[in-house]
Amino acid sequence: MEGLAGSDNIKSITNCATRSRVELNPIDGFYEDGFWVNELGASGVVRKKNSVQVIFGPRVITIASKIKVVLGVD
C-alpha cells in the first residue's frame, strides 16, 4: 500500500493473470521501479499517465486479493 502512495491514492485496482493494474489519483507518490523489482520481486512496471501495471506473474492474484481486502473492495 505504501508503494502505491497509500489507500486514499488508489482510484481502482484490477488484475489479469500476470499484472496488477492500478489507477492512481496522482502518480507522484508511486514508488520507483527498483522498489517493485528489487524489494517485492516484480518482473517490471509499466506507467501510463495516472495508471500503473506491476508485473508479478501468476502470484498477482494473491497480491491483488490482499490489496482489495485492505481497501474493502471486491
PDB file of N, CA and C in Angstrom:
ATOM      1  N   MET A   1       0.832  -1.191   0.000  1.00  0.00           N
ATOM      2  CA  MET A   1       0.000   0.000   0.000  1.00  0.00           C
ATOM      3  C   MET A   1       0.874   1.250   0.000  1.00  0.00           C
ATOM      4  N   GLU A   2       1.936   1.195   0.762  1.00  0.00           N
ATOM      5  CA  GLU A   2       2.821   2.353   0.842  1.00  0.00           C
ATOM      6  C   GLU A   2       3.416   2.680  -0.530  1.00  0.00           C
ATOM      7  N   GLY A   3       3.799   1.651  -1.276  1.00  0.00           N
ATOM      8  CA  GLY A   3       4.381   1.842  -2.597  1.00  0.00           C
ATOM      9  C   GLY A   3       3.412   2.433  -3.604  1.00  0.00           C
ATOM     10  N   LEU A   4       2.113   2.333  -3.311  1.00  0.00           N
ATOM     11  CA  LEU A   4       1.076   2.906  -4.164  1.00  0.00           C
ATOM     12  C   LEU A   4       0.670   4.293  -3.682  1.00  0.00           C
ATOM     13  N   ALA A   5       1.395   4.833  -2.715  1.00  0.00           N
ATOM     14  CA  ALA A   5       1.144   6.155  -2.127  1.00  0.00           C
ATOM     15  C   ALA A   5      -0.094   6.154  -1.233  1.00  0.00           C
ATOM     16  N   GLY A   6      -0.405   5.010  -0.637  1.00  0.00           N
ATOM     17  CA  GLY A   6      -1.488   4.917   0.329  1.00  0.00           C
ATOM     18  C   GLY A   6      -2.835   4.582  -0.278  1.00  0.00           C
ATOM     19  N   SER A   7      -3.712   4.064   0.557  1.00  0.00           N
ATOM     20  CA  SER A   7      -5.020   3.619   0.080  1.00  0.00           C
ATOM     21  C   SER A   7      -5.880   4.757  -0.452  1.00  0.00           C
ATOM     22  N   ASP A   8      -5.716   5.963   0.077  1.00  0.00           N
ATOM     23  CA  ASP A   8      -6.504   7.106  -0.394  1.00  0.00           C
ATOM     24  C   ASP A   8      -6.123   7.527  -1.810  1.00  0.00           C
ATOM     25  N   ASN A   9      -4.958   7.104  -2.268  1.00  0.00           N
ATOM     26  CA  ASN A   9      -4.477   7.488  -3.586  1.00  0.00           C
ATOM     27  C   ASN A   9      -4.946   6.533  -4.689  1.00  0.00           C
ATOM     28  N   ILE A  10      -5.575   5.420  -4.329  1.00  0.00           N
ATOM     29  CA  ILE A  10      -5.968   4.409  -5.302  1.00  0.00           C
ATOM     30  C   ILE A  10      -7.401   4.640  -5.764  1.00  0.00           C
ATOM     31  N   LYS A  11      -7.563   4.874  -7.065  1.00  0.00           N
ATOM     32  CA  LYS A  11      -8.893   5.026  -7.645  1.00  0.00           C
ATOM     33  C   LYS A  11      -9.512   3.662  -7.918  1.00  0.00           C
ATOM     34  N   SER A  12      -8.727   2.762  -8.513  1.00  0.00           N
ATOM     35  CA  SER A  12      -9.225   1.415  -8.801  1.00  0.00           C
ATOM     36  C   SER A  12      -8.053   0.461  -8.911  1.00  0.00           C
ATOM     37  N   ILE A  13      -8.359  -0.824  -8.707  1.00  0.00           N
ATOM     38  CA  ILE A  13      -7.351  -1.863  -8.864  1.00  0.00           C
ATOM     39  C   ILE A  13      -8.008  -3.079  -9.494  1.00  0.00           C
ATOM     40  N   THR A  14      -7.380  -3.588 -10.522  1.00  0.00           N
ATOM     41  CA  THR A  14      -7.823  -4.806 -11.188  1.00  0.00           C
ATOM     42  C   THR A  14      -6.576  -5.624 -11.488  1.00  0.00           C
ATOM     43  N   ASN A  15      -6.792  -6.824 -11.968  1.00  0.00           N
ATOM     44  CA  ASN A  15      -5.639  -7.628 -12.374  1.00  0.00           C
ATOM     45  C   ASN A  15      -6.042  -8.600 -13.464  1.00  0.00           C
ATOM     46  N   CYS A  16      -5.045  -9.004 -14.231  1.00  0.00           N
ATOM     47  CA  CYS A  16      -5.215 -10.103 -15.181  1.00  0.00           C
ATOM     48  C   CYS A  16      -4.406 -11.254 -14.614  1.00  0.00           C
ATOM     49  N   ALA A  17      -4.018 -12.191 -15.419  1.00  0.00           N
ATOM     50  CA  ALA A  17      -3.296 -13.366 -14.927  1.00  0.00           C
ATOM     51  C   ALA A  17      -1.885 -13.061 -14.448  1.00  0.00           C
ATOM     52  N   THR A  18      -1.310 -11.933 -14.889  1.00  0.00           N
ATOM     53  CA  THR A  18       0.087 -11.652 -14.530  1.00  0.00           C
ATOM     54  C   THR A  18       0.348 -10.244 -14.013  1.00  0.00           C
ATOM     55  N   ARG A  19      -0.593  -9.341 -14.189  1.00  0.00           N
ATOM     56  CA  ARG A  19      -0.357  -7.933 -13.851  1.00  0.00           C
ATOM     57  C   ARG A  19      -1.403  -7.366 -12.913  1.00  0.00           C
ATOM     58  N   SER A  20      -0.935  -6.526 -12.029  1.00  0.00           N
ATOM     59  CA  SER A  20      -1.826  -5.729 -11.199  1.00  0.00           C
ATOM     60  C   SER A  20      -1.969  -4.377 -11.882  1.00  0.00           C
ATOM     61  N   ARG A  21      -3.195  -3.975 -12.164  1.00  0.00           N
ATOM     62  CA  ARG A  21      -3.449  -2.692 -12.825  1.00  0.00           C
ATOM     63  C   ARG A  21      -4.073  -1.746 -11.811  1.00  0.00           C
ATOM     64  N   VAL A  22      -3.408  -0.623 -11.591  1.00  0.00           N
ATOM     65  CA  VAL A  22      -3.858   0.323 -10.580  1.00  0.00           C
ATOM     66  C   VAL A  22      -3.977   1.707 -11.191  1.00  0.00           C
ATOM     67  N   GLU A  23      -5.132   2.322 -10.987  1.00  0.00           N
ATOM     68  CA  GLU A  23      -5.322   3.710 -11.381  1.00  0.00           C
ATOM     69  C   GLU A  23      -5.194   4.553 -10.120  1.00  0.00           C
ATOM     70  N   LEU A  24      -4.285   5.509 -10.165  1.00  0.00           N
ATOM     71  CA  LEU A  24      -3.990   6.345  -9.008  1.00  0.00           C
ATOM     72  C   LEU A  24      -4.539   7.748  -9.220  1.00  0.00           C
ATOM     73  N   ASN A  25      -4.772   8.454  -8.114  1.00  0.00           N
ATOM     74  CA  ASN A  25      -5.193   9.852  -8.230  1.00  0.00           C
ATOM     75  C   ASN A  25      -4.032  10.624  -8.851  1.00  0.00           C
ATOM     76  N   PRO A  26      -2.996  11.011  -8.114  1.00  0.00           N
ATOM     77  CA  PRO A  26      -1.765  11.417  -8.793  1.00  0.00           C
ATOM     78  C   PRO A  26      -0.769  10.270  -8.703  1.00  0.00           C
ATOM     79  N   ILE A  27       0.083  10.162  -9.686  1.00  0.00           N
ATOM     80  CA  ILE A  27       1.073   9.092  -9.699  1.00  0.00           C
ATOM     81  C   ILE A  27       2.337   9.493  -8.925  1.00  0.00           C
ATOM     82  N   ASP A  28       2.382  10.731  -8.473  1.00  0.00           N
ATOM     83  CA  ASP A  28       3.579  11.285  -7.841  1.00  0.00           C
ATOM     84  C   ASP A  28       4.144  10.438  -6.705  1.00  0.00           C
ATOM     85  N   GLY A  29       3.303   9.864  -5.861  1.00  0.00           N
ATOM     86  CA  GLY A  29       3.786   9.113  -4.706  1.00  0.00           C
ATOM     87  C   GLY A  29       4.105   7.652  -4.993  1.00  0.00           C
ATOM     88  N   PHE A  30       3.891   7.205  -6.234  1.00  0.00           N
ATOM     89  CA  PHE A  30       4.157   5.816  -6.603  1.00  0.00           C
ATOM     90  C   PHE A  30       5.657   5.572  -6.540  1.00  0.00           C
ATOM     91  N   TYR A  31       6.043   4.502  -5.858  1.00  0.00           N
ATOM     92  CA  TYR A  31       7.465   4.201  -5.679  1.00  0.00           C
ATOM     93  C   TYR A  31       8.156   3.891  -7.000  1.00  0.00           C
ATOM     94  N   GLU A  32       9.440   4.137  -7.028  1.00  0.00           N
ATOM     95  CA  GLU A  32      10.266   3.873  -8.205  1.00  0.00           C
ATOM     96  C   GLU A  32      10.259   2.385  -8.563  1.00  0.00           C
ATOM     97  N   ASP A  33      10.545   2.090  -9.813  1.00  0.00           N
ATOM     98  CA  ASP A  33      10.518   0.724 -10.318  1.00  0.00           C
ATOM     99  C   ASP A  33      11.417  -0.220  -9.525  1.00  0.00           C
ATOM    100  N   GLY A  34      12.569   0.268  -9.076  1.00  0.00           N
ATOM    101  CA  GLY A  34      13.506  -0.563  -8.328  1.00  0.00           C
ATOM    102  C   GLY A  34      12.900  -1.162  -7.069  1.00  0.00           C
ATOM    103  N   PHE A  35      12.026  -0.433  -6.415  1.00  0.00           N
ATOM    104  CA  PHE A  35      11.356  -0.946  -5.222  1.00  0.00           C
ATOM    105  C   PHE A  35      10.520  -2.172  -5.572  1.00  0.00           C
ATOM    106  N   TRP A  36       9.736  -2.072  -6.636  1.00  0.00           N
ATOM    107  CA  TRP A  36       8.842  -3.156  -7.032  1.00  0.00           C
ATOM    108  C   TRP A  36       9.623  -4.382  -7.488  1.00  0.00           C
ATOM    109  N   VAL A  37      10.706  -4.151  -8.211  1.00  0.00           N
ATOM    110  CA  VAL A  37      11.503  -5.256  -8.736  1.00  0.00           C
ATOM    111  C   VAL A  37      12.399  -5.851  -7.651  1.00  0.00           C
ATOM    112  N   ASN A  38      13.159  -5.012  -6.979  1.00  0.00           N
ATOM    113  CA  ASN A  38      14.151  -5.499  -6.014  1.00  0.00           C
ATOM    114  C   ASN A  38      13.558  -5.904  -4.670  1.00  0.00           C
ATOM    115  N   GLU A  39      12.589  -5.161  -4.184  1.00  0.00           N
ATOM    116  CA  GLU A  39      12.026  -5.428  -2.860  1.00  0.00           C
ATOM    117  C   GLU A  39      10.845  -6.403  -2.896  1.00  0.00           C
ATOM    118  N   LEU A  40      10.025  -6.327  -3.940  1.00  0.00           N
ATOM    119  CA  LEU A  40       8.800  -7.138  -3.984  1.00  0.00           C
ATOM    120  C   LEU A  40       8.819  -8.216  -5.053  1.00  0.00           C
ATOM    121  N   GLY A  41       9.898  -8.306  -5.826  1.00  0.00           N
ATOM    122  CA  GLY A  41      10.043  -9.388  -6.785  1.00  0.00           C
ATOM    123  C   GLY A  41       9.223  -9.270  -8.051  1.00  0.00           C
ATOM    124  N   ALA A  42       8.782  -8.056  -8.387  1.00  0.00           N
ATOM    125  CA  ALA A  42       8.049  -7.864  -9.637  1.00  0.00           C
ATOM    126  C   ALA A  42       8.994  -8.059 -10.819  1.00  0.00           C
ATOM    127  N   SER A  43       8.425  -8.437 -11.948  1.00  0.00           N
ATOM    128  CA  SER A  43       9.217  -8.582 -13.173  1.00  0.00           C
ATOM    129  C   SER A  43       9.416  -7.253 -13.876  1.00  0.00           C
ATOM    130  N   GLY A  44       8.528  -6.311 -13.617  1.00  0.00           N
ATOM    131  CA  GLY A  44       8.627  -4.997 -14.243  1.00  0.00           C
ATOM    132  C   GLY A  44       7.445  -4.122 -13.892  1.00  0.00           C
ATOM    133  N   VAL A  45       7.517  -2.880 -14.366  1.00  0.00           N
ATOM    134  CA  VAL A  45       6.484  -1.888 -14.100  1.00  0.00           C
ATOM    135  C   VAL A  45       6.218  -1.124 -15.393  1.00  0.00           C
ATOM    136  N   VAL A  46       4.940  -0.895 -15.684  1.00  0.00           N
ATOM    137  CA  VAL A  46       4.542  -0.095 -16.835  1.00  0.00           C
ATOM    138  C   VAL A  46       3.761   1.094 -16.299  1.00  0.00           C
ATOM    139  N   ARG A  47       4.135   2.304 -16.718  1.00  0.00           N
ATOM    140  CA  ARG A  47       3.448   3.522 -16.280  1.00  0.00           C
ATOM    141  C   ARG A  47       2.809   4.197 -17.485  1.00  0.00           C
ATOM    142  N   LYS A  48       1.593   4.684 -17.292  1.00  0.00           N
ATOM    143  CA  LYS A  48       0.913   5.440 -18.339  1.00  0.00           C
ATOM    144  C   LYS A  48      -0.018   6.437 -17.669  1.00  0.00           C
ATOM    145  N   LYS A  49       0.314   7.694 -17.761  1.00  0.00           N
ATOM    146  CA  LYS A  49      -0.419   8.781 -17.111  1.00  0.00           C
ATOM    147  C   LYS A  49      -0.573   8.462 -15.624  1.00  0.00           C
ATOM    148  N   ASN A  50      -1.794   8.332 -15.142  1.00  0.00           N
ATOM    149  CA  ASN A  50      -2.019   8.031 -13.722  1.00  0.00           C
ATOM    150  C   ASN A  50      -2.313   6.558 -13.475  1.00  0.00           C
ATOM    151  N   SER A  51      -1.944   5.700 -14.410  1.00  0.00           N
ATOM    152  CA  SER A  51      -2.143   4.269 -14.260  1.00  0.00           C
ATOM    153  C   SER A  51      -0.804   3.547 -14.265  1.00  0.00           C
ATOM    154  N   VAL A  52      -0.747   2.478 -13.504  1.00  0.00           N
ATOM    155  CA  VAL A  52       0.464   1.656 -13.478  1.00  0.00           C
ATOM    156  C   VAL A  52       0.061   0.191 -13.578  1.00  0.00           C
ATOM    157  N   GLN A  53       0.969  -0.598 -14.124  1.00  0.00           N
ATOM    158  CA  GLN A  53       0.816  -2.045 -14.141  1.00  0.00           C
ATOM    159  C   GLN A  53       2.087  -2.610 -13.530  1.00  0.00           C
ATOM    160  N   VAL A  54       1.919  -3.403 -12.494  1.00  0.00           N
ATOM    161  CA  VAL A  54       3.066  -4.062 -11.869  1.00  0.00           C
ATOM    162  C   VAL A  54       2.967  -5.535 -12.242  1.00  0.00           C
ATOM    163  N   ILE A  55       4.007  -6.043 -12.872  1.00  0.00           N
ATOM    164  CA  ILE A  55       4.001  -7.405 -13.398  1.00  0.00           C
ATOM    165  C   ILE A  55       4.574  -8.349 -12.346  1.00  0.00           C
ATOM    166  N   PHE A  56       3.703  -9.196 -11.797  1.00  0.00           N
ATOM    167  CA  PHE A  56       4.092 -10.140 -10.754  1.00  0.00           C
ATOM    168  C   PHE A  56       4.046 -11.592 -11.208  1.00  0.00           C
ATOM    169  N   GLY A  57       3.493 -11.860 -12.377  1.00  0.00           N
ATOM    170  CA  GLY A  57       3.310 -13.238 -12.789  1.00  0.00           C
ATOM    171  C   GLY A  57       2.084 -13.816 -12.108  1.00  0.00           C
ATOM    172  N   PRO A  58       1.969 -15.152 -12.044  1.00  0.00           N
ATOM    173  CA  PRO A  58       0.759 -15.785 -11.528  1.00  0.00           C
ATOM    174  C   PRO A  58       0.431 -15.452 -10.071  1.00  0.00           C
ATOM    175  N   ARG A  59       1.398 -15.022  -9.301  1.00  0.00           N
ATOM    176  CA  ARG A  59       1.109 -14.692  -7.892  1.00  0.00           C
ATOM    177  C   ARG A  59       0.363 -13.371  -7.746  1.00  0.00           C
ATOM    178  N   VAL A  60       0.124 -12.677  -8.868  1.00  0.00           N
ATOM    179  CA  VAL A  60      -0.600 -11.412  -8.817  1.00  0.00           C
ATOM    180  C   VAL A  60      -2.000 -11.591  -8.247  1.00  0.00           C
ATOM    181  N   ILE A  61      -2.617 -12.732  -8.465  1.00  0.00           N
ATOM    182  CA  ILE A  61      -3.974 -12.971  -7.972  1.00  0.00           C
ATOM    183  C   ILE A  61      -4.009 -12.869  -6.449  1.00  0.00           C
ATOM    184  N   THR A  62      -3.045 -13.470  -5.791  1.00  0.00           N
ATOM    185  CA  THR A  62      -2.960 -13.406  -4.329  1.00  0.00           C
ATOM    186  C   THR A  62      -2.659 -11.987  -3.862  1.00  0.00           C
ATOM    187  N   ILE A  63      -1.730 -11.336  -4.520  1.00  0.00           N
ATOM    188  CA  ILE A  63      -1.334  -9.976  -4.139  1.00  0.00           C
ATOM    189  C   ILE A  63      -2.504  -9.017  -4.305  1.00  0.00           C
ATOM    190  N   ALA A  64      -3.162  -9.056  -5.459  1.00  0.00           N
ATOM    191  CA  ALA A  64      -4.297  -8.164  -5.711  1.00  0.00           C
ATOM    192  C   ALA A  64      -5.435  -8.429  -4.736  1.00  0.00           C
ATOM    193  N   SER A  65      -5.677  -9.684  -4.406  1.00  0.00           N
ATOM    194  CA  SER A  65      -6.736 -10.025  -3.446  1.00  0.00           C
ATOM    195  C   SER A  65      -6.454  -9.407  -2.084  1.00  0.00           C
ATOM    196  N   LYS A  66      -5.212  -9.467  -1.655  1.00  0.00           N
ATOM    197  CA  LYS A  66      -4.855  -8.884  -0.355  1.00  0.00           C
ATOM    198  C   LYS A  66      -5.023  -7.368  -0.354  1.00  0.00           C
ATOM    199  N   ILE A  67      -4.651  -6.723  -1.439  1.00  0.00           N
ATOM    200  CA  ILE A  67      -4.817  -5.270  -1.527  1.00  0.00           C
ATOM    201  C   ILE A  67      -6.300  -4.919  -1.508  1.00  0.00           C
ATOM    202  N   LYS A  68      -7.108  -5.678  -2.226  1.00  0.00           N
ATOM    203  CA  LYS A  68      -8.550  -5.416  -2.261  1.00  0.00           C
ATOM    204  C   LYS A  68      -9.192  -5.594  -0.887  1.00  0.00           C
ATOM    205  N   VAL A  69      -8.710  -6.551  -0.107  1.00  0.00           N
ATOM    206  CA  VAL A  69      -9.224  -6.732   1.250  1.00  0.00           C
ATOM    207  C   VAL A  69      -8.911  -5.502   2.105  1.00  0.00           C
ATOM    208  N   VAL A  70      -7.689  -5.005   1.988  1.00  0.00           N
ATOM    209  CA  VAL A  70      -7.305  -3.811   2.748  1.00  0.00           C
ATOM    210  C   VAL A  70      -8.156  -2.619   2.344  1.00  0.00           C
ATOM    211  N   LEU A  71      -8.443  -2.502   1.042  1.00  0.00           N
ATOM    212  CA  LEU A  71      -9.252  -1.387   0.536  1.00  0.00           C
ATOM    213  C   LEU A  71     -10.743  -1.578   0.792  1.00  0.00           C
ATOM    214  N   GLY A  72     -11.151  -2.810   1.081  1.00  0.00           N
ATOM    215  CA  GLY A  72     -12.560  -3.089   1.312  1.00  0.00           C
ATOM    216  C   GLY A  72     -13.373  -3.137   0.039  1.00  0.00           C
ATOM    217  N   VAL A  73     -12.735  -3.580  -1.072  1.00  0.00           N
ATOM    218  CA  VAL A  73     -13.432  -3.720  -2.349  1.00  0.00           C
ATOM    219  C   VAL A  73     -13.400  -5.172  -2.787  1.00  0.00           C
ATOM    220  N   ASP A  74     -14.297  -5.512  -3.695  1.00  0.00           N
ATOM    221  CA  ASP A  74     -14.365  -6.911  -4.183  1.00  0.00           C
ATOM    222  C   ASP A  74     -13.309  -7.161  -5.205  1.00  0.00           C
TER     223      ASP A  74
END
